[in-house]
Amino acid sequence: MWRVVGRNLSEMAIDFFSTGTLPETVFESPMELIPKVKNPERVNQLRPISLNNVSLKAITKAMTSRLKPLMRKLVSPKQGSFILGRQKTDNIIVVQEVLHSLRHKKGKKGVSL
């Protein structure tokens, strides 16, 4: 397989890291409908899949590997995203906990929502 796509993918990656641009075609994701049953008759009997461009995934992986050693310098520990082991949904949980405690706080110094 590499014999077929290797040269083109390598040239695309080298060009990207030199110019910072990618061909528009790498952002296209054709959709296909895969039947869940034999001879489907309704839409819910089909499973949509997106055929993402492998070259974009490979270049993205290379780019993130290059940035990984720099992330501690680029991103504050207080940042909610881009931190290894932290999920973007963690922020939602933190906000819910803060709002819950503010709603149930008693006294004159509490915040009413």
C-alpha atoms as a PDB file:
ATOM      1  CA  MET A   1       0.000   0.000   0.000  1.00  0.00           C
ATOM      2  CA  TRP A   2       2.811   2.426   0.880  1.00  0.00           C
ATOM      3  CA  ARG A   3       4.242   1.952  -2.638  1.00  0.00           C
ATOM      4  CA  VAL A   4       0.994   3.356  -4.022  1.00  0.00           C
ATOM      5  CA  VAL A   5       0.483   6.399  -1.764  1.00  0.00           C
ATOM      6  CA  GLY A   6       3.817   6.902  -0.003  1.00  0.00           C
ATOM      7  CA  ARG A   7       5.383   9.399  -2.359  1.00  0.00           C
ATOM      8  CA  ASN A   8       2.246  11.562  -2.675  1.00  0.00           C
ATOM      9  CA  LEU A   9       1.627  11.557   1.078  1.00  0.00           C
ATOM     10  CA  SER A  10       5.257  12.414   1.824  1.00  0.00           C
ATOM     11  CA  GLU A  11       5.235  15.291  -0.662  1.00  0.00           C
ATOM     12  CA  MET A  12       1.949  16.596   0.759  1.00  0.00           C
ATOM     13  CA  ALA A  13       3.328  16.488   4.320  1.00  0.00           C
ATOM     14  CA  ILE A  14       6.598  18.205   3.334  1.00  0.00           C
ATOM     15  CA  ASP A  15       4.632  20.874   1.479  1.00  0.00           C
ATOM     16  CA  PHE A  16       2.329  21.399   4.475  1.00  0.00           C
ATOM     17  CA  PHE A  17       5.193  21.804   6.939  1.00  0.00           C
ATOM     18  CA  SER A  18       6.926  24.199   4.511  1.00  0.00           C
ATOM     19  CA  THR A  19       3.958  26.369   3.520  1.00  0.00           C
ATOM     20  CA  GLY A  20       1.311  25.728   6.172  1.00  0.00           C
ATOM     21  CA  THR A  21      -1.321  25.016   3.537  1.00  0.00           C
ATOM     22  CA  LEU A  22      -3.119  21.883   2.397  1.00  0.00           C
ATOM     23  CA  PRO A  23      -5.070  21.147  -0.769  1.00  0.00           C
ATOM     24  CA  GLU A  24      -8.818  21.684  -0.317  1.00  0.00           C
ATOM     25  CA  THR A  25      -9.474  18.057  -1.261  1.00  0.00           C
ATOM     26  CA  VAL A  26      -8.112  16.753   2.057  1.00  0.00           C
ATOM     27  CA  PHE A  27     -11.047  18.372   3.859  1.00  0.00           C
ATOM     28  CA  GLU A  28     -13.662  16.498   1.847  1.00  0.00           C
ATOM     29  CA  SER A  29     -15.407  13.622   3.648  1.00  0.00           C
ATOM     30  CA  PRO A  30     -17.732  11.690   1.357  1.00  0.00           C
ATOM     31  CA  MET A  31     -20.616   9.935   3.085  1.00  0.00           C
ATOM     32  CA  GLU A  32     -21.648   6.392   2.308  1.00  0.00           C
ATOM     33  CA  LEU A  33     -24.707   4.486   3.466  1.00  0.00           C
ATOM     34  CA  ILE A  34     -23.990   0.939   4.604  1.00  0.00           C
ATOM     35  CA  PRO A  35     -27.030  -1.364   4.873  1.00  0.00           C
ATOM     36  CA  LYS A  36     -27.737  -2.768   8.336  1.00  0.00           C
ATOM     37  CA  VAL A  37     -30.029  -5.426   6.857  1.00  0.00           C
ATOM     38  CA  LYS A  38     -30.288  -7.258   3.573  1.00  0.00           C
ATOM     39  CA  ASN A  39     -32.355  -5.266   1.033  1.00  0.00           C
ATOM     40  CA  PRO A  40     -33.025  -2.148   3.155  1.00  0.00           C
ATOM     41  CA  GLU A  41     -36.316  -0.367   2.498  1.00  0.00           C
ATOM     42  CA  ARG A  42     -36.146   2.507   5.034  1.00  0.00           C
ATOM     43  CA  VAL A  43     -33.488   5.058   5.901  1.00  0.00           C
ATOM     44  CA  ASN A  44     -33.168   3.766   9.474  1.00  0.00           C
ATOM     45  CA  GLN A  45     -31.972   0.472   7.995  1.00  0.00           C
ATOM     46  CA  LEU A  46     -28.850   2.230   6.691  1.00  0.00           C
ATOM     47  CA  ARG A  47     -25.761   3.265   8.629  1.00  0.00           C
ATOM     48  CA  PRO A  48     -24.012   6.454   7.429  1.00  0.00           C
ATOM     49  CA  ILE A  49     -20.220   6.449   7.529  1.00  0.00           C
ATOM     50  CA  SER A  50     -17.812   9.209   6.676  1.00  0.00           C
ATOM     51  CA  LEU A  51     -14.797   8.345   4.561  1.00  0.00           C
ATOM     52  CA  ASN A  52     -12.265  10.741   6.076  1.00  0.00           C
ATOM     53  CA  ASN A  53      -9.068  11.534   4.255  1.00  0.00           C
ATOM     54  CA  VAL A  54      -6.169   9.471   5.632  1.00  0.00           C
ATOM     55  CA  SER A  55      -3.572  12.020   4.502  1.00  0.00           C
ATOM     56  CA  LEU A  56      -5.156  14.689   6.729  1.00  0.00           C
ATOM     57  CA  LYS A  57      -5.111  12.283   9.685  1.00  0.00           C
ATOM     58  CA  ALA A  58      -1.432  11.433   9.082  1.00  0.00           C
ATOM     59  CA  ILE A  59      -0.388  15.092   8.839  1.00  0.00           C
ATOM     60  CA  THR A  60      -2.440  15.990  11.927  1.00  0.00           C
ATOM     61  CA  LYS A  61      -0.788  13.166  13.870  1.00  0.00           C
ATOM     62  CA  ALA A  62       2.678  14.382  12.828  1.00  0.00           C
ATOM     63  CA  MET A  63       1.793  17.955  13.766  1.00  0.00           C
ATOM     64  CA  THR A  64       0.485  17.006  17.226  1.00  0.00           C
ATOM     65  CA  SER A  65       3.559  14.850  17.850  1.00  0.00           C
ATOM     66  CA  ARG A  66       5.759  17.862  17.093  1.00  0.00           C
ATOM     67  CA  LEU A  67       3.724  20.150  19.365  1.00  0.00           C
ATOM     68  CA  LYS A  68       3.460  17.747  22.302  1.00  0.00           C
ATOM     69  CA  PRO A  69       6.811  18.720  23.920  1.00  0.00           C
ATOM     70  CA  LEU A  70       5.852  22.418  23.710  1.00  0.00           C
ATOM     71  CA  MET A  71       2.343  22.133  25.155  1.00  0.00           C
ATOM     72  CA  ARG A  72       3.360  22.890  28.768  1.00  0.00           C
ATOM     73  CA  LYS A  73       4.867  26.174  27.597  1.00  0.00           C
ATOM     74  CA  LEU A  74       1.951  27.047  25.308  1.00  0.00           C
ATOM     75  CA  VAL A  75      -1.013  26.084  27.509  1.00  0.00           C
ATOM     76  CA  SER A  76      -1.647  27.220  31.065  1.00  0.00           C
ATOM     77  CA  PRO A  77      -2.423  24.474  33.620  1.00  0.00           C
ATOM     78  CA  LYS A  78      -5.672  26.364  34.247  1.00  0.00           C
ATOM     79  CA  GLN A  79      -6.680  25.799  30.624  1.00  0.00           C
ATOM     80  CA  GLY A  80      -9.570  23.392  30.208  1.00  0.00           C
ATOM     81  CA  SER A  81      -8.478  21.741  26.966  1.00  0.00           C
ATOM     82  CA  PHE A  82      -5.294  20.449  25.388  1.00  0.00           C
ATOM     83  CA  ILE A  83      -4.030  18.902  28.618  1.00  0.00           C
ATOM     84  CA  LEU A  84      -3.131  15.222  28.643  1.00  0.00           C
ATOM     85  CA  GLY A  85      -5.633  13.246  30.691  1.00  0.00           C
ATOM     86  CA  ARG A  86      -8.189  16.052  30.752  1.00  0.00           C
ATOM     87  CA  GLN A  87     -11.443  15.809  28.829  1.00  0.00           C
ATOM     88  CA  LYS A  88     -13.345  18.812  27.503  1.00  0.00           C
ATOM     89  CA  THR A  89     -16.400  17.536  29.380  1.00  0.00           C
ATOM     90  CA  ASP A  90     -14.524  17.959  32.697  1.00  0.00           C
ATOM     91  CA  ASN A  91     -15.241  21.701  32.512  1.00  0.00           C
ATOM     92  CA  ILE A  92     -18.973  21.047  32.314  1.00  0.00           C
ATOM     93  CA  ILE A  93     -18.824  19.043  35.537  1.00  0.00           C
ATOM     94  CA  VAL A  94     -16.804  21.759  37.309  1.00  0.00           C
ATOM     95  CA  VAL A  95     -19.261  24.461  36.257  1.00  0.00           C
ATOM     96  CA  GLN A  96     -22.228  22.362  37.431  1.00  0.00           C
ATOM     97  CA  GLU A  97     -20.577  21.827  40.821  1.00  0.00           C
ATOM     98  CA  VAL A  98     -19.816  25.544  41.224  1.00  0.00           C
ATOM     99  CA  LEU A  99     -23.369  26.538  40.276  1.00  0.00           C
ATOM    100  CA  HIS A 100     -24.802  23.927  42.646  1.00  0.00           C
ATOM    101  CA  SER A 101     -22.726  25.195  45.576  1.00  0.00           C
ATOM    102  CA  LEU A 102     -23.576  28.828  44.779  1.00  0.00           C
ATOM    103  CA  ARG A 103     -27.300  28.061  44.696  1.00  0.00           C
ATOM    104  CA  HIS A 104     -27.161  26.293  48.047  1.00  0.00           C
ATOM    105  CA  LYS A 105     -24.826  28.743  49.769  1.00  0.00           C
ATOM    106  CA  LYS A 106     -26.441  30.428  52.742  1.00  0.00           C
ATOM    107  CA  GLY A 107     -25.579  33.756  54.268  1.00  0.00           C
ATOM    108  CA  LYS A 108     -25.157  37.321  53.115  1.00  0.00           C
ATOM    109  CA  LYS A 109     -21.987  36.641  51.153  1.00  0.00           C
ATOM    110  CA  GLY A 110     -23.562  34.068  48.876  1.00  0.00           C
ATOM    111  CA  VAL A 111     -24.441  34.714  45.271  1.00  0.00           C
ATOM    112  CA  SER A 112     -28.045  34.340  44.159  1.00  0.00           C
ATOM    113  CA  LEU A 113     -28.700  32.969  40.700  1.00  0.00           C
END
